[in-house]
Amino acid sequence: MNSLNVVGTGSYTRPMERREHSRVNACVQIELRQDGSPAVIRTKTSDISPGGCYVEMMFTLETGSKLHLVLWINGEKLRCKGVVMTRHPQFGNGIQFLDMSVEDRHRLRNLLQSPPQ
């Protein structure tokens, strides 16, 4: 039998939260490019945290896909690598940020801490 960590009582259970950071509903322009591909996918995040984001896309990427990312924050490019952690076909992908510079991570945290406008 497979072991699954769950939270809840009674007949309803849900998987335990695995994220290190809470996500914020935020629409941020993002460019995704898979390793080894020249094609760029331009879309927006539906939520974001210092550790990752979720993007809604009709044609989703496979779990484990390695990505080069560009986030547009206040007119500036934040670059990092990422990996697709979740895939919901015809809906979207959860992406974990990897290899983000200290300066870019600081700018992202500032955006997430600023009050919505």
N, C-alpha and C. Protein backbone atom coordinates (compact mmCIF):
# COMPACT_ATOMS: atom_id res chain seq x y z
N MET A 1 0.84 -1.18 0.00
CA MET A 1 0.00 0.00 0.00
C MET A 1 0.89 1.24 0.00
N ASN A 2 0.54 2.22 -0.81
CA ASN A 2 1.32 3.45 -0.89
C ASN A 2 1.09 4.30 0.34
N SER A 3 2.15 4.92 0.83
CA SER A 3 2.04 5.81 1.97
C SER A 3 1.84 7.24 1.47
N LEU A 4 0.84 7.94 2.02
CA LEU A 4 0.54 9.31 1.63
C LEU A 4 0.32 10.13 2.88
N ASN A 5 1.07 11.20 3.04
CA ASN A 5 0.87 12.09 4.17
C ASN A 5 -0.36 12.94 3.92
N VAL A 6 -1.32 12.90 4.83
CA VAL A 6 -2.55 13.65 4.66
C VAL A 6 -2.89 14.40 5.94
N VAL A 7 -3.69 15.45 5.76
CA VAL A 7 -4.16 16.25 6.87
C VAL A 7 -5.68 16.20 6.84
N GLY A 8 -6.31 16.03 7.97
CA GLY A 8 -7.77 16.03 8.02
C GLY A 8 -8.29 14.92 8.88
N THR A 9 -9.59 14.96 9.12
CA THR A 9 -10.24 13.93 9.91
C THR A 9 -11.51 13.52 9.19
N GLY A 10 -12.08 12.42 9.61
CA GLY A 10 -13.32 11.98 9.01
C GLY A 10 -13.09 11.48 7.60
N SER A 11 -14.06 11.72 6.72
CA SER A 11 -13.98 11.18 5.37
C SER A 11 -13.19 12.08 4.42
N TYR A 12 -12.87 13.31 4.81
CA TYR A 12 -12.13 14.21 3.93
C TYR A 12 -10.70 14.32 4.38
N THR A 13 -9.79 14.10 3.45
CA THR A 13 -8.36 14.32 3.72
C THR A 13 -7.78 15.05 2.53
N ARG A 14 -6.74 15.80 2.77
CA ARG A 14 -6.06 16.49 1.69
C ARG A 14 -4.56 16.29 1.88
N PRO A 15 -3.82 16.32 0.78
CA PRO A 15 -2.36 16.13 0.90
C PRO A 15 -1.75 17.23 1.77
N MET A 16 -0.68 16.87 2.48
CA MET A 16 0.03 17.87 3.29
C MET A 16 0.67 18.90 2.38
N GLU A 17 0.71 20.14 2.84
CA GLU A 17 1.35 21.22 2.09
C GLU A 17 2.84 20.94 2.01
N ARG A 18 3.40 20.97 0.79
CA ARG A 18 4.82 20.70 0.60
C ARG A 18 5.61 21.96 0.30
N ARG A 19 4.92 23.07 0.06
CA ARG A 19 5.62 24.30 -0.31
C ARG A 19 6.33 24.90 0.90
N GLU A 20 7.50 25.44 0.64
CA GLU A 20 8.27 26.13 1.67
C GLU A 20 7.74 27.55 1.88
N HIS A 21 7.19 28.17 0.82
CA HIS A 21 6.72 29.55 0.87
C HIS A 21 5.24 29.61 0.50
N SER A 22 4.51 30.49 1.16
CA SER A 22 3.11 30.72 0.79
C SER A 22 3.07 31.50 -0.52
N ARG A 23 2.09 31.19 -1.34
CA ARG A 23 1.95 31.89 -2.61
C ARG A 23 0.96 33.03 -2.48
N VAL A 24 1.16 34.04 -3.33
CA VAL A 24 0.32 35.22 -3.37
C VAL A 24 -0.33 35.27 -4.74
N ASN A 25 -1.63 35.55 -4.79
CA ASN A 25 -2.28 35.73 -6.09
C ASN A 25 -1.69 36.97 -6.73
N ALA A 26 -1.00 36.77 -7.85
CA ALA A 26 -0.36 37.90 -8.55
C ALA A 26 -0.19 37.55 -10.01
N CYS A 27 -0.51 38.51 -10.84
CA CYS A 27 -0.38 38.35 -12.28
C CYS A 27 0.93 39.01 -12.71
N VAL A 28 1.95 38.19 -12.96
CA VAL A 28 3.27 38.67 -13.35
C VAL A 28 3.59 38.09 -14.72
N GLN A 29 4.04 38.93 -15.64
CA GLN A 29 4.46 38.45 -16.96
C GLN A 29 5.64 37.50 -16.80
N ILE A 30 5.59 36.36 -17.50
CA ILE A 30 6.67 35.38 -17.42
C ILE A 30 6.93 34.79 -18.80
N GLU A 31 8.20 34.52 -19.07
CA GLU A 31 8.61 33.84 -20.29
C GLU A 31 9.24 32.51 -19.88
N LEU A 32 8.82 31.44 -20.52
CA LEU A 32 9.32 30.09 -20.23
C LEU A 32 10.00 29.55 -21.48
N ARG A 33 11.17 28.95 -21.30
CA ARG A 33 11.85 28.28 -22.41
C ARG A 33 12.42 26.98 -21.88
N GLN A 34 12.03 25.87 -22.49
CA GLN A 34 12.55 24.57 -22.07
C GLN A 34 14.00 24.44 -22.49
N ASP A 35 14.79 23.74 -21.64
CA ASP A 35 16.19 23.45 -22.00
C ASP A 35 16.23 22.83 -23.38
N GLY A 36 17.12 23.32 -24.23
CA GLY A 36 17.32 22.75 -25.54
C GLY A 36 16.32 23.20 -26.60
N SER A 37 15.40 24.08 -26.24
CA SER A 37 14.40 24.55 -27.21
C SER A 37 14.54 26.05 -27.42
N PRO A 38 14.44 26.51 -28.68
CA PRO A 38 14.49 27.95 -28.92
C PRO A 38 13.13 28.62 -28.69
N ALA A 39 12.06 27.83 -28.62
CA ALA A 39 10.70 28.38 -28.49
C ALA A 39 10.48 29.00 -27.11
N VAL A 40 9.90 30.19 -27.10
CA VAL A 40 9.59 30.89 -25.85
C VAL A 40 8.07 30.93 -25.68
N ILE A 41 7.62 30.58 -24.49
CA ILE A 41 6.20 30.66 -24.14
C ILE A 41 6.02 31.90 -23.27
N ARG A 42 5.16 32.80 -23.70
CA ARG A 42 4.88 34.02 -22.92
C ARG A 42 3.50 33.88 -22.30
N THR A 43 3.43 34.05 -20.98
CA THR A 43 2.16 33.93 -20.26
C THR A 43 2.25 34.77 -19.00
N LYS A 44 1.32 34.54 -18.07
CA LYS A 44 1.30 35.26 -16.80
C LYS A 44 1.14 34.25 -15.67
N THR A 45 1.67 34.63 -14.51
CA THR A 45 1.47 33.78 -13.34
C THR A 45 0.06 34.01 -12.80
N SER A 46 -0.49 32.99 -12.15
CA SER A 46 -1.75 33.19 -11.43
C SER A 46 -1.46 33.35 -9.95
N ASP A 47 -0.37 32.75 -9.50
CA ASP A 47 0.13 33.00 -8.15
C ASP A 47 1.63 32.80 -8.15
N ILE A 48 2.27 33.38 -7.12
CA ILE A 48 3.74 33.39 -7.09
C ILE A 48 4.22 33.48 -5.65
N SER A 49 5.41 32.94 -5.41
CA SER A 49 6.08 33.03 -4.11
C SER A 49 7.57 33.17 -4.38
N PRO A 50 8.38 33.38 -3.34
CA PRO A 50 9.83 33.42 -3.57
C PRO A 50 10.38 32.09 -4.11
N GLY A 51 9.64 31.01 -3.92
CA GLY A 51 10.13 29.70 -4.34
C GLY A 51 9.56 29.16 -5.63
N GLY A 52 8.50 29.80 -6.17
CA GLY A 52 7.92 29.28 -7.39
C GLY A 52 6.65 30.00 -7.79
N CYS A 53 5.97 29.45 -8.80
CA CYS A 53 4.76 30.09 -9.29
C CYS A 53 3.86 29.04 -9.95
N TYR A 54 2.66 29.47 -10.26
CA TYR A 54 1.74 28.65 -11.04
C TYR A 54 1.35 29.45 -12.27
N VAL A 55 1.39 28.81 -13.43
CA VAL A 55 1.00 29.45 -14.68
C VAL A 55 -0.13 28.64 -15.30
N GLU A 56 -1.16 29.34 -15.73
CA GLU A 56 -2.27 28.68 -16.41
C GLU A 56 -1.94 28.63 -17.90
N MET A 57 -1.98 27.42 -18.47
CA MET A 57 -1.65 27.21 -19.88
C MET A 57 -2.49 26.07 -20.41
N MET A 58 -2.98 26.22 -21.63
CA MET A 58 -3.75 25.16 -22.27
C MET A 58 -2.87 23.95 -22.58
N PHE A 59 -1.66 24.23 -23.12
CA PHE A 59 -0.73 23.16 -23.47
C PHE A 59 0.35 23.12 -22.41
N THR A 60 0.24 22.19 -21.48
CA THR A 60 1.12 22.14 -20.32
C THR A 60 2.42 21.40 -20.62
N LEU A 61 3.40 21.65 -19.79
CA LEU A 61 4.71 21.04 -19.90
C LEU A 61 4.77 19.81 -18.99
N GLU A 62 5.61 18.86 -19.37
CA GLU A 62 5.77 17.62 -18.60
C GLU A 62 6.44 17.90 -17.26
N THR A 63 6.01 17.20 -16.22
CA THR A 63 6.65 17.27 -14.91
C THR A 63 8.12 16.91 -15.06
N GLY A 64 8.99 17.68 -14.42
CA GLY A 64 10.44 17.46 -14.50
C GLY A 64 11.12 18.25 -15.59
N SER A 65 10.34 18.91 -16.45
CA SER A 65 10.95 19.73 -17.51
C SER A 65 11.80 20.83 -16.90
N LYS A 66 13.01 20.99 -17.41
CA LYS A 66 13.92 22.06 -16.97
C LYS A 66 13.64 23.29 -17.81
N LEU A 67 13.60 24.46 -17.14
CA LEU A 67 13.21 25.69 -17.81
C LEU A 67 14.19 26.83 -17.56
N HIS A 68 14.23 27.76 -18.51
CA HIS A 68 14.87 29.06 -18.32
C HIS A 68 13.70 30.04 -18.22
N LEU A 69 13.69 30.87 -17.19
CA LEU A 69 12.56 31.76 -16.92
C LEU A 69 12.99 33.22 -16.92
N VAL A 70 12.09 34.07 -17.38
CA VAL A 70 12.25 35.51 -17.23
C VAL A 70 10.94 36.03 -16.66
N LEU A 71 11.02 36.67 -15.49
CA LEU A 71 9.86 37.32 -14.86
C LEU A 71 10.02 38.82 -15.05
N TRP A 72 8.95 39.49 -15.39
CA TRP A 72 8.99 40.94 -15.56
C TRP A 72 8.38 41.59 -14.32
N ILE A 73 9.24 42.19 -13.48
CA ILE A 73 8.82 42.82 -12.23
C ILE A 73 9.09 44.31 -12.35
N ASN A 74 8.04 45.12 -12.30
CA ASN A 74 8.18 46.58 -12.39
C ASN A 74 9.08 47.00 -13.56
N GLY A 75 8.87 46.37 -14.71
CA GLY A 75 9.62 46.72 -15.91
C GLY A 75 11.03 46.17 -15.97
N GLU A 76 11.43 45.39 -14.98
CA GLU A 76 12.78 44.82 -14.97
C GLU A 76 12.70 43.31 -15.11
N LYS A 77 13.73 42.74 -15.77
CA LYS A 77 13.80 41.29 -15.96
C LYS A 77 14.44 40.63 -14.75
N LEU A 78 13.79 39.58 -14.25
CA LEU A 78 14.39 38.70 -13.25
C LEU A 78 14.57 37.37 -13.95
N ARG A 79 15.78 36.85 -13.93
CA ARG A 79 16.07 35.60 -14.63
C ARG A 79 16.40 34.51 -13.62
N CYS A 80 15.97 33.30 -13.96
CA CYS A 80 16.34 32.15 -13.16
C CYS A 80 16.07 30.89 -13.95
N LYS A 81 16.46 29.79 -13.40
CA LYS A 81 16.11 28.49 -13.95
C LYS A 81 14.94 27.98 -13.13
N GLY A 82 14.29 26.97 -13.66
CA GLY A 82 13.16 26.39 -12.94
C GLY A 82 12.93 24.96 -13.38
N VAL A 83 12.01 24.31 -12.67
CA VAL A 83 11.63 22.95 -13.00
C VAL A 83 10.12 22.82 -12.79
N VAL A 84 9.47 22.11 -13.71
CA VAL A 84 8.03 21.88 -13.60
C VAL A 84 7.80 20.83 -12.52
N MET A 85 7.05 21.22 -11.49
CA MET A 85 6.79 20.32 -10.36
C MET A 85 5.41 19.66 -10.45
N THR A 86 4.43 20.39 -11.00
CA THR A 86 3.08 19.82 -11.14
C THR A 86 2.54 20.10 -12.53
N ARG A 87 1.70 19.20 -12.97
CA ARG A 87 1.09 19.34 -14.30
C ARG A 87 -0.40 19.02 -14.19
N HIS A 88 -1.20 19.95 -14.62
CA HIS A 88 -2.65 19.77 -14.68
C HIS A 88 -3.04 19.98 -16.15
N PRO A 89 -3.15 18.87 -16.93
CA PRO A 89 -3.40 18.99 -18.38
C PRO A 89 -4.55 19.94 -18.70
N GLN A 90 -4.33 20.77 -19.70
CA GLN A 90 -5.26 21.78 -20.20
C GLN A 90 -5.62 22.82 -19.15
N PHE A 91 -4.80 22.93 -18.09
CA PHE A 91 -5.04 23.95 -17.08
C PHE A 91 -3.77 24.71 -16.72
N GLY A 92 -2.70 24.01 -16.32
CA GLY A 92 -1.48 24.75 -15.98
C GLY A 92 -0.38 23.91 -15.35
N ASN A 93 0.70 24.61 -14.98
CA ASN A 93 1.88 24.01 -14.37
C ASN A 93 2.31 24.76 -13.13
N GLY A 94 2.75 24.01 -12.13
CA GLY A 94 3.43 24.57 -10.96
C GLY A 94 4.92 24.50 -11.22
N ILE A 95 5.61 25.61 -11.03
CA ILE A 95 7.04 25.71 -11.35
C ILE A 95 7.82 26.12 -10.11
N GLN A 96 8.90 25.40 -9.84
CA GLN A 96 9.81 25.75 -8.74
C GLN A 96 10.96 26.55 -9.32
N PHE A 97 11.30 27.69 -8.65
CA PHE A 97 12.44 28.51 -9.08
C PHE A 97 13.74 27.89 -8.59
N LEU A 98 14.75 27.90 -9.46
CA LEU A 98 16.10 27.43 -9.13
C LEU A 98 17.10 28.47 -9.59
N ASP A 99 18.23 28.55 -8.95
CA ASP A 99 19.35 29.39 -9.40
C ASP A 99 18.97 30.84 -9.66
N MET A 100 18.21 31.46 -8.76
CA MET A 100 17.89 32.89 -8.89
C MET A 100 18.93 33.68 -8.11
N SER A 101 19.40 34.77 -8.70
CA SER A 101 20.42 35.59 -8.03
C SER A 101 19.84 36.17 -6.74
N VAL A 102 20.71 36.50 -5.82
CA VAL A 102 20.29 37.11 -4.55
C VAL A 102 19.55 38.41 -4.81
N GLU A 103 20.06 39.22 -5.73
CA GLU A 103 19.43 40.50 -6.06
C GLU A 103 18.02 40.30 -6.62
N ASP A 104 17.86 39.36 -7.55
CA ASP A 104 16.55 39.12 -8.13
C ASP A 104 15.58 38.54 -7.10
N ARG A 105 16.06 37.65 -6.24
CA ARG A 105 15.20 37.09 -5.20
C ARG A 105 14.73 38.20 -4.25
N HIS A 106 15.62 39.14 -3.96
CA HIS A 106 15.27 40.28 -3.10
C HIS A 106 14.19 41.14 -3.77
N ARG A 107 14.33 41.41 -5.06
CA ARG A 107 13.31 42.18 -5.78
C ARG A 107 11.97 41.46 -5.79
N LEU A 108 12.00 40.14 -5.97
CA LEU A 108 10.76 39.37 -5.96
C LEU A 108 10.10 39.42 -4.58
N ARG A 109 10.89 39.26 -3.52
CA ARG A 109 10.33 39.35 -2.16
C ARG A 109 9.71 40.73 -1.91
N ASN A 110 10.38 41.78 -2.38
CA ASN A 110 9.83 43.14 -2.21
C ASN A 110 8.49 43.29 -2.90
N LEU A 111 8.37 42.73 -4.11
CA LEU A 111 7.09 42.78 -4.82
C LEU A 111 6.01 42.07 -4.02
N LEU A 112 6.32 40.91 -3.50
CA LEU A 112 5.33 40.10 -2.78
C LEU A 112 4.93 40.72 -1.44
N GLN A 113 5.81 41.54 -0.87
CA GLN A 113 5.51 42.17 0.42
C GLN A 113 4.83 43.52 0.27
N SER A 114 4.84 44.08 -0.95
CA SER A 114 4.23 45.40 -1.14
C SER A 114 2.72 45.24 -1.22
N PRO A 115 1.96 46.24 -0.71
CA PRO A 115 0.50 46.16 -0.75
C PRO A 115 -0.02 46.19 -2.18
N PRO A 116 -1.12 45.47 -2.46
CA PRO A 116 -1.67 45.48 -3.81
C PRO A 116 -2.13 46.88 -4.20
N GLN A 117 -1.99 47.21 -5.50
CA GLN A 117 -2.37 48.55 -5.98
C GLN A 117 -3.65 48.48 -6.77
